[in-house]
Amino acid sequence: SVNYPLNNRGLVLLRGVNKDGGADSNGSGKTSLAMATLWTLTGTTDPRPLQDAKVSDVVNDLSKTAKVSVRGTLNGDPFVITRTKGASRGGGLAFHLDGKDLTTQSAKETQLMIDEKLGVGTQILARTIFHGQHAINGLLEASDVKLKEELSLIVPLSLWQDATSLARNRARAAAQNASELSGMITLRTSDLNDLKRRR
């Protein structure tokens, strides 16, 4: 069992040295460490575009079972999420919040409970927990369709459309108001000039 205290650590940068193959950091376990939290909270593994990545990879070749627990606080209440996976059989998921066992009969239902209590879905967590070199420019390089798709994960697309419509209507109203004010200024300026000439 290994514990990694992250309380009040802020942004954490993972670095490593592969002692089996020189000073290169590849293979030193950085991704595995970051993936452990991601896997526990979402049930998904490293979101990088690896074609051969699968959930069973969380179990070390020299082990029969993988088990990771994430402890923290949610609105001041302590929580513990524990996920397990066997090398050749299914796994389990347990969720405790403020001393109450919220684990349901299936991992899928428990995951839905976790998502509900955290207030965010697994897709958002998968995109926010792990920031690697493969995804760092994702939004910057995304097409308009892809960008809207990603934004819709945070806020429903209908809300973006409503906000766009509201902004356009307000811009039109503001432009019309500005035009009316400009006309009034021109008229009053003309009146003022007439008064000056009469003096």
C-alpha atoms as a PDB file:
ATOM      1  CA  SER A   1       0.000   0.000   0.000  1.00  0.00           C
ATOM      2  CA  VAL A   2       1.313   3.456  -0.983  1.00  0.00           C
ATOM      3  CA  ASN A   3      -0.209   6.790   0.065  1.00  0.00           C
ATOM      4  CA  TYR A   4       0.143  10.056  -1.848  1.00  0.00           C
ATOM      5  CA  PRO A   5      -1.030  13.020   0.287  1.00  0.00           C
ATOM      6  CA  LEU A   6      -2.271  15.769  -2.039  1.00  0.00           C
ATOM      7  CA  ASN A   7      -4.220  17.939   0.405  1.00  0.00           C
ATOM      8  CA  ASN A   8      -3.558  21.657  -0.193  1.00  0.00           C
ATOM      9  CA  ARG A   9      -0.883  20.812  -2.771  1.00  0.00           C
ATOM     10  CA  GLY A  10      -2.476  22.773  -5.613  1.00  0.00           C
ATOM     11  CA  LEU A  11      -1.248  21.922  -9.104  1.00  0.00           C
ATOM     12  CA  VAL A  12       0.983  18.841  -9.055  1.00  0.00           C
ATOM     13  CA  LEU A  13       3.622  18.236 -11.726  1.00  0.00           C
ATOM     14  CA  LEU A  14       4.686  14.616 -12.101  1.00  0.00           C
ATOM     15  CA  ARG A  15       8.299  13.916 -13.006  1.00  0.00           C
ATOM     16  CA  GLY A  16      10.249  10.707 -12.865  1.00  0.00           C
ATOM     17  CA  VAL A  17      13.420   8.821 -13.647  1.00  0.00           C
ATOM     18  CA  ASN A  18      13.409   5.350 -15.150  1.00  0.00           C
ATOM     19  CA  LYS A  19      16.117   3.579 -13.125  1.00  0.00           C
ATOM     20  CA  ASP A  20      15.773   0.463 -15.274  1.00  0.00           C
ATOM     21  CA  GLY A  21      16.741   2.205 -18.485  1.00  0.00           C
ATOM     22  CA  GLY A  22      18.828   5.291 -17.819  1.00  0.00           C
ATOM     23  CA  ALA A  23      17.756   8.821 -17.020  1.00  0.00           C
ATOM     24  CA  ASP A  24      14.807   8.917 -19.409  1.00  0.00           C
ATOM     25  CA  SER A  25      11.497   9.460 -17.620  1.00  0.00           C
ATOM     26  CA  ASN A  26       9.489   7.191 -19.940  1.00  0.00           C
ATOM     27  CA  GLY A  27       8.276   4.150 -18.051  1.00  0.00           C
ATOM     28  CA  SER A  28       8.890   5.624 -14.595  1.00  0.00           C
ATOM     29  CA  GLY A  29       5.204   5.442 -13.614  1.00  0.00           C
ATOM     30  CA  LYS A  30       4.066   9.059 -14.014  1.00  0.00           C
ATOM     31  CA  THR A  31       1.042   8.142 -16.093  1.00  0.00           C
ATOM     32  CA  SER A  32       0.156   5.232 -13.832  1.00  0.00           C
ATOM     33  CA  LEU A  33       0.161   7.525 -10.820  1.00  0.00           C
ATOM     34  CA  ALA A  34      -2.070  10.120 -12.489  1.00  0.00           C
ATOM     35  CA  MET A  35      -4.256   7.427 -14.005  1.00  0.00           C
ATOM     36  CA  ALA A  36      -4.887   5.842 -10.612  1.00  0.00           C
ATOM     37  CA  THR A  37      -6.959   8.822  -9.460  1.00  0.00           C
ATOM     38  CA  LEU A  38      -8.681   9.112 -12.816  1.00  0.00           C
ATOM     39  CA  TRP A  39      -9.551   5.409 -12.842  1.00  0.00           C
ATOM     40  CA  THR A  40     -10.878   5.491  -9.279  1.00  0.00           C
ATOM     41  CA  LEU A  41     -13.167   8.467  -9.857  1.00  0.00           C
ATOM     42  CA  THR A  42     -14.384   7.570 -13.350  1.00  0.00           C
ATOM     43  CA  GLY A  43     -13.653   3.926 -14.105  1.00  0.00           C
ATOM     44  CA  THR A  44     -11.766   4.976 -17.217  1.00  0.00           C
ATOM     45  CA  THR A  45      -8.045   4.842 -17.828  1.00  0.00           C
ATOM     46  CA  ASP A  46      -5.557   7.243 -19.368  1.00  0.00           C
ATOM     47  CA  PRO A  47      -7.515   9.370 -21.896  1.00  0.00           C
ATOM     48  CA  ARG A  48      -4.531   9.698 -24.223  1.00  0.00           C
ATOM     49  CA  PRO A  49      -5.067   8.249 -27.721  1.00  0.00           C
ATOM     50  CA  LEU A  50      -3.542   4.811 -27.122  1.00  0.00           C
ATOM     51  CA  GLN A  51      -5.122   2.142 -29.290  1.00  0.00           C
ATOM     52  CA  ASP A  52      -4.161  -0.749 -27.037  1.00  0.00           C
ATOM     53  CA  ALA A  53      -5.184   0.829 -23.700  1.00  0.00           C
ATOM     54  CA  LYS A  54      -7.762  -1.137 -21.729  1.00  0.00           C
ATOM     55  CA  VAL A  55      -9.104  -1.124 -18.175  1.00  0.00           C
ATOM     56  CA  SER A  56      -7.461  -4.458 -17.342  1.00  0.00           C
ATOM     57  CA  ASP A  57      -4.096  -2.705 -17.739  1.00  0.00           C
ATOM     58  CA  VAL A  58      -4.544  -1.194 -14.269  1.00  0.00           C
ATOM     59  CA  VAL A  59      -3.583  -4.555 -12.777  1.00  0.00           C
ATOM     60  CA  ASN A  60       0.193  -4.968 -12.536  1.00  0.00           C
ATOM     61  CA  ASP A  61       1.614  -8.075 -14.236  1.00  0.00           C
ATOM     62  CA  LEU A  62       2.949  -9.267 -10.865  1.00  0.00           C
ATOM     63  CA  SER A  63      -0.359  -8.736  -9.033  1.00  0.00           C
ATOM     64  CA  LYS A  64      -3.760 -10.371  -8.989  1.00  0.00           C
ATOM     65  CA  THR A  65      -5.753  -7.300  -8.014  1.00  0.00           C
ATOM     66  CA  ALA A  66      -5.552  -3.529  -8.312  1.00  0.00           C
ATOM     67  CA  LYS A  67      -7.117  -1.370  -5.601  1.00  0.00           C
ATOM     68  CA  VAL A  68      -7.089   2.421  -5.379  1.00  0.00           C
ATOM     69  CA  SER A  69      -8.833   4.668  -2.851  1.00  0.00           C
ATOM     70  CA  VAL A  70      -9.289   8.409  -3.218  1.00  0.00           C
ATOM     71  CA  ARG A  71     -10.021  10.343  -0.036  1.00  0.00           C
ATOM     72  CA  GLY A  72     -11.094  13.968   0.089  1.00  0.00           C
ATOM     73  CA  THR A  73     -13.795  16.362   1.167  1.00  0.00           C
ATOM     74  CA  LEU A  74     -16.908  17.415  -0.688  1.00  0.00           C
ATOM     75  CA  ASN A  75     -18.480  20.618   0.610  1.00  0.00           C
ATOM     76  CA  GLY A  76     -16.709  19.970   3.886  1.00  0.00           C
ATOM     77  CA  ASP A  77     -17.887  16.350   4.161  1.00  0.00           C
ATOM     78  CA  PRO A  78     -15.248  13.585   3.949  1.00  0.00           C
ATOM     79  CA  PHE A  79     -15.579  11.018   1.186  1.00  0.00           C
ATOM     80  CA  VAL A  80     -13.809   7.828   0.165  1.00  0.00           C
ATOM     81  CA  ILE A  81     -14.085   6.212  -3.263  1.00  0.00           C
ATOM     82  CA  THR A  82     -12.485   2.793  -3.653  1.00  0.00           C
ATOM     83  CA  ARG A  83     -12.274   0.885  -6.923  1.00  0.00           C
ATOM     84  CA  THR A  84     -10.886  -2.611  -7.355  1.00  0.00           C
ATOM     85  CA  LYS A  85     -10.152  -4.746 -10.418  1.00  0.00           C
ATOM     86  CA  GLY A  86      -9.034  -8.315 -10.708  1.00  0.00           C
ATOM     87  CA  ALA A  87      -6.687  -9.539 -13.411  1.00  0.00           C
ATOM     88  CA  SER A  88      -9.140 -12.136 -14.672  1.00  0.00           C
ATOM     89  CA  ARG A  89     -12.466 -11.156 -13.105  1.00  0.00           C
ATOM     90  CA  GLY A  90     -14.655  -8.128 -12.517  1.00  0.00           C
ATOM     91  CA  GLY A  91     -14.039  -5.445  -9.960  1.00  0.00           C
ATOM     92  CA  GLY A  92     -15.905  -3.385  -7.443  1.00  0.00           C
ATOM     93  CA  LEU A  93     -16.683   0.200  -6.562  1.00  0.00           C
ATOM     94  CA  ALA A  94     -17.452   1.594  -3.097  1.00  0.00           C
ATOM     95  CA  PHE A  95     -18.520   5.114  -2.203  1.00  0.00           C
ATOM     96  CA  HIS A  96     -18.692   6.604   1.299  1.00  0.00           C
ATOM     97  CA  LEU A  97     -19.703  10.204   1.972  1.00  0.00           C
ATOM     98  CA  ASP A  98     -19.795  11.799   5.425  1.00  0.00           C
ATOM     99  CA  GLY A  99     -19.685   8.377   7.065  1.00  0.00           C
ATOM    100  CA  LYS A 100     -22.593   7.029   4.996  1.00  0.00           C
ATOM    101  CA  ASP A 101     -22.211   4.061   2.664  1.00  0.00           C
ATOM    102  CA  LEU A 102     -23.691   5.141  -0.678  1.00  0.00           C
ATOM    103  CA  THR A 103     -22.525   2.037  -2.535  1.00  0.00           C
ATOM    104  CA  THR A 104     -25.293   0.517  -4.655  1.00  0.00           C
ATOM    105  CA  GLN A 105     -25.757  -2.982  -6.035  1.00  0.00           C
ATOM    106  CA  SER A 106     -23.848  -2.294  -9.230  1.00  0.00           C
ATOM    107  CA  ALA A 107     -20.733  -0.342 -10.121  1.00  0.00           C
ATOM    108  CA  LYS A 108     -22.692   1.503 -12.816  1.00  0.00           C
ATOM    109  CA  GLU A 109     -25.286   2.779 -10.341  1.00  0.00           C
ATOM    110  CA  THR A 110     -22.587   3.658  -7.816  1.00  0.00           C
ATOM    111  CA  GLN A 111     -20.749   5.614 -10.521  1.00  0.00           C
ATOM    112  CA  LEU A 112     -23.934   7.561 -11.243  1.00  0.00           C
ATOM    113  CA  MET A 113     -24.201   8.334  -7.529  1.00  0.00           C
ATOM    114  CA  ILE A 114     -20.581   9.551  -7.479  1.00  0.00           C
ATOM    115  CA  ASP A 115     -21.189  11.734 -10.530  1.00  0.00           C
ATOM    116  CA  GLU A 116     -24.311  13.190  -8.913  1.00  0.00           C
ATOM    117  CA  LYS A 117     -22.596  13.991  -5.617  1.00  0.00           C
ATOM    118  CA  LEU A 118     -19.482  15.410  -7.278  1.00  0.00           C
ATOM    119  CA  GLY A 119     -21.707  17.474  -9.547  1.00  0.00           C
ATOM    120  CA  VAL A 120     -19.748  16.557 -12.645  1.00  0.00           C
ATOM    121  CA  GLY A 121     -19.775  13.630 -15.070  1.00  0.00           C
ATOM    122  CA  THR A 122     -16.971  11.239 -15.892  1.00  0.00           C
ATOM    123  CA  GLN A 123     -16.335  12.905 -19.271  1.00  0.00           C
ATOM    124  CA  ILE A 124     -15.525  16.212 -17.590  1.00  0.00           C
ATOM    125  CA  LEU A 125     -13.354  14.584 -14.920  1.00  0.00           C
ATOM    126  CA  ALA A 126     -11.434  12.661 -17.572  1.00  0.00           C
ATOM    127  CA  ARG A 127     -10.694  15.930 -19.351  1.00  0.00           C
ATOM    128  CA  THR A 128      -9.690  17.877 -16.252  1.00  0.00           C
ATOM    129  CA  ILE A 129      -7.717  15.447 -14.103  1.00  0.00           C
ATOM    130  CA  PHE A 130      -5.127  14.509 -16.699  1.00  0.00           C
ATOM    131  CA  HIS A 131      -3.364  17.167 -18.765  1.00  0.00           C
ATOM    132  CA  GLY A 132      -0.791  15.466 -20.951  1.00  0.00           C
ATOM    133  CA  GLN A 133       1.191  16.452 -24.005  1.00  0.00           C
ATOM    134  CA  HIS A 134      -1.278  14.713 -26.309  1.00  0.00           C
ATOM    135  CA  ALA A 135      -4.272  16.823 -25.279  1.00  0.00           C
ATOM    136  CA  ILE A 136      -2.736  20.133 -24.234  1.00  0.00           C
ATOM    137  CA  ASN A 137      -3.655  21.858 -27.526  1.00  0.00           C
ATOM    138  CA  GLY A 138      -6.939  19.997 -27.983  1.00  0.00           C
ATOM    139  CA  LEU A 139      -9.298  22.955 -27.778  1.00  0.00           C
ATOM    140  CA  LEU A 140      -6.914  25.317 -29.569  1.00  0.00           C
ATOM    141  CA  GLU A 141      -6.735  22.996 -32.560  1.00  0.00           C
ATOM    142  CA  ALA A 142     -10.378  21.884 -32.447  1.00  0.00           C
ATOM    143  CA  SER A 143     -12.736  22.582 -35.309  1.00  0.00           C
ATOM    144  CA  ASP A 144     -15.856  24.651 -34.660  1.00  0.00           C
ATOM    145  CA  VAL A 145     -17.959  21.482 -34.426  1.00  0.00           C
ATOM    146  CA  LYS A 146     -15.498  19.803 -32.040  1.00  0.00           C
ATOM    147  CA  LEU A 147     -15.245  22.916 -29.879  1.00  0.00           C
ATOM    148  CA  LYS A 148     -19.024  23.110 -29.555  1.00  0.00           C
ATOM    149  CA  GLU A 149     -19.115  19.415 -28.727  1.00  0.00           C
ATOM    150  CA  GLU A 150     -16.567  19.866 -25.936  1.00  0.00           C
ATOM    151  CA  LEU A 151     -18.306  22.963 -24.567  1.00  0.00           C
ATOM    152  CA  SER A 152     -21.640  21.125 -24.555  1.00  0.00           C
ATOM    153  CA  LEU A 153     -20.165  18.701 -22.014  1.00  0.00           C
ATOM    154  CA  ILE A 154     -19.869  21.588 -19.557  1.00  0.00           C
ATOM    155  CA  VAL A 155     -22.987  23.536 -20.472  1.00  0.00           C
ATOM    156  CA  PRO A 156     -25.876  22.197 -22.597  1.00  0.00           C
ATOM    157  CA  LEU A 157     -25.637  23.357 -26.205  1.00  0.00           C
ATOM    158  CA  SER A 158     -29.145  24.819 -25.986  1.00  0.00           C
ATOM    159  CA  LEU A 159     -27.901  27.155 -23.260  1.00  0.00           C
ATOM    160  CA  TRP A 160     -25.069  28.367 -25.500  1.00  0.00           C
ATOM    161  CA  GLN A 161     -27.584  28.941 -28.310  1.00  0.00           C
ATOM    162  CA  ASP A 162     -29.942  30.834 -25.996  1.00  0.00           C
ATOM    163  CA  ALA A 163     -27.029  32.934 -24.715  1.00  0.00           C
ATOM    164  CA  THR A 164     -25.965  33.709 -28.302  1.00  0.00           C
ATOM    165  CA  SER A 165     -29.503  34.731 -29.237  1.00  0.00           C
ATOM    166  CA  LEU A 166     -29.818  36.898 -26.127  1.00  0.00           C
ATOM    167  CA  ALA A 167     -26.458  38.568 -26.825  1.00  0.00           C
ATOM    168  CA  ARG A 168     -27.492  39.336 -30.425  1.00  0.00           C
ATOM    169  CA  ASN A 169     -30.818  40.810 -29.330  1.00  0.00           C
ATOM    170  CA  ARG A 170     -29.120  42.961 -26.699  1.00  0.00           C
ATOM    171  CA  ALA A 171     -26.510  44.102 -29.239  1.00  0.00           C
ATOM    172  CA  ARG A 172     -29.266  45.119 -31.686  1.00  0.00           C
ATOM    173  CA  ALA A 173     -31.154  46.977 -28.935  1.00  0.00           C
ATOM    174  CA  ALA A 174     -27.965  48.716 -27.816  1.00  0.00           C
ATOM    175  CA  ALA A 175     -27.124  49.711 -31.406  1.00  0.00           C
ATOM    176  CA  GLN A 176     -30.622  51.099 -31.921  1.00  0.00           C
ATOM    177  CA  ASN A 177     -30.445  53.000 -28.630  1.00  0.00           C
ATOM    178  CA  ALA A 178     -27.034  54.406 -29.586  1.00  0.00           C
ATOM    179  CA  SER A 179     -28.421  55.500 -32.971  1.00  0.00           C
ATOM    180  CA  GLU A 180     -31.369  57.254 -31.293  1.00  0.00           C
ATOM    181  CA  LEU A 181     -29.067  58.997 -28.816  1.00  0.00           C
ATOM    182  CA  SER A 182     -26.772  60.058 -31.633  1.00  0.00           C
ATOM    183  CA  GLY A 183     -29.748  61.561 -33.466  1.00  0.00           C
ATOM    184  CA  MET A 184     -30.852  63.389 -30.322  1.00  0.00           C
ATOM    185  CA  ILE A 185     -27.336  64.779 -29.805  1.00  0.00           C
ATOM    186  CA  THR A 186     -27.234  66.011 -33.412  1.00  0.00           C
ATOM    187  CA  LEU A 187     -30.654  67.675 -33.002  1.00  0.00           C
ATOM    188  CA  ARG A 188     -29.764  69.328 -29.687  1.00  0.00           C
ATOM    189  CA  THR A 189     -26.425  70.483 -31.085  1.00  0.00           C
ATOM    190  CA  SER A 190     -28.275  72.095 -33.987  1.00  0.00           C
ATOM    191  CA  ASP A 191     -30.705  73.786 -31.564  1.00  0.00           C
ATOM    192  CA  LEU A 192     -27.805  75.079 -29.472  1.00  0.00           C
ATOM    193  CA  ASN A 193     -26.086  76.520 -32.534  1.00  0.00           C
ATOM    194  CA  ASP A 194     -29.327  78.280 -33.525  1.00  0.00           C
ATOM    195  CA  LEU A 195     -29.565  79.871 -30.070  1.00  0.00           C
ATOM    196  CA  LYS A 196     -25.986  81.051 -30.276  1.00  0.00           C
ATOM    197  CA  ARG A 197     -26.600  82.686 -33.670  1.00  0.00           C
ATOM    198  CA  ARG A 198     -29.685  84.526 -32.369  1.00  0.00           C
ATOM    199  CA  ARG A 199     -27.615  86.181 -29.676  1.00  0.00           C
END
